[in-house]
């Protein structure tokens, strides 16, 4: 298959592109290499996949490791470049992972979130419609559940009470995808990822922030008095779930209804205090801690019910937190990490 992966220099996107290429698919990774977090990490992910982005130069760049993988710099909200990409690409499937990420940042830069996550997603939908793409797989988020009290979170639960603009944009993506499936018959699959972590992860997320504080002897700022609970999902599990969905590796006798949503999470949430203790163990250092109030737009708990994914695709995320954090710490301290602090 020929597959376009938007957000192909992102955390999940780069790992997915590599796995798809290894499996033999023809893959185009698209990314705008924005500076929400240091672009050096994004270009390092590309280089790990054999792609030299030349500082973000435009045009298609081939991978030196995978002859079936290439990269193009483009923003999904830019309609004309996206139209050309789809026209030339003739993609069988599209995986949309491009988005303005970060719950907290959405309170500071709301227009960026609408531009990327709503307008950009509409551009992807229109290109899929115009150029006959058979299946669009898109990233949603566990944040759509808001502050739901019923646990674990099921795909059939209400998700109409988001507590951040980021969550609202992800819910909007799901509704827009449903409309395009209903109007044009394009197969749509949304994936609600639950706190994905691991090597090459985002520096604005807890594992990276905590690692920087622990290894650098900085005070670790802990919000909500440390009472957060998160369903942490290791990157390999997130990629494997996505690979099965993209590859139509269904194991159930049921048929795809054309529009589906799946939780991708372990279903075993960990208290933030336990997560920090495990990080201190893997790095062999104890952090100085400062406990702070809850932040605006945050949620106290995430808790996935992954039974639908398991029933349909025979897979359930299962990497233990200890194992995942050990692998993250090994990468964090290695030369592969372009953001590795000096002196450690």
Foldseek 3Di string as FASTA:
>chain_A
DEEEEEVCLADLNLVLLLVCLVVPYQYEYEYQLDPPDPSVLSQLSVVVQQWHCVVPDADWTARPVGNSYIYGYDALLPQPVVLVCLVVRLGQEYEYEDADDDQQCCVVPVVRRCSRLPSSLVSVLVSCQVSVHQEYEYEAALQLCAQDPDPDDDPPDDRPDGQGSNNVSSVVSLVVQVVSCVPRVRFYEYEHEWAEDFFSHDCVDDLNLLLCQFVVQHAAEAEQQQQAKGQYFYSVQVSVLVCCVVVVQWDAPDDRPRYYYFYATQQDIDGSVVLSVLLCVLVVGDHHYDYYYHDRRDYRYHGHDRVVSCNTRVDHGDDDSNNRSNRRVVNLCDPSDPPNDPPD
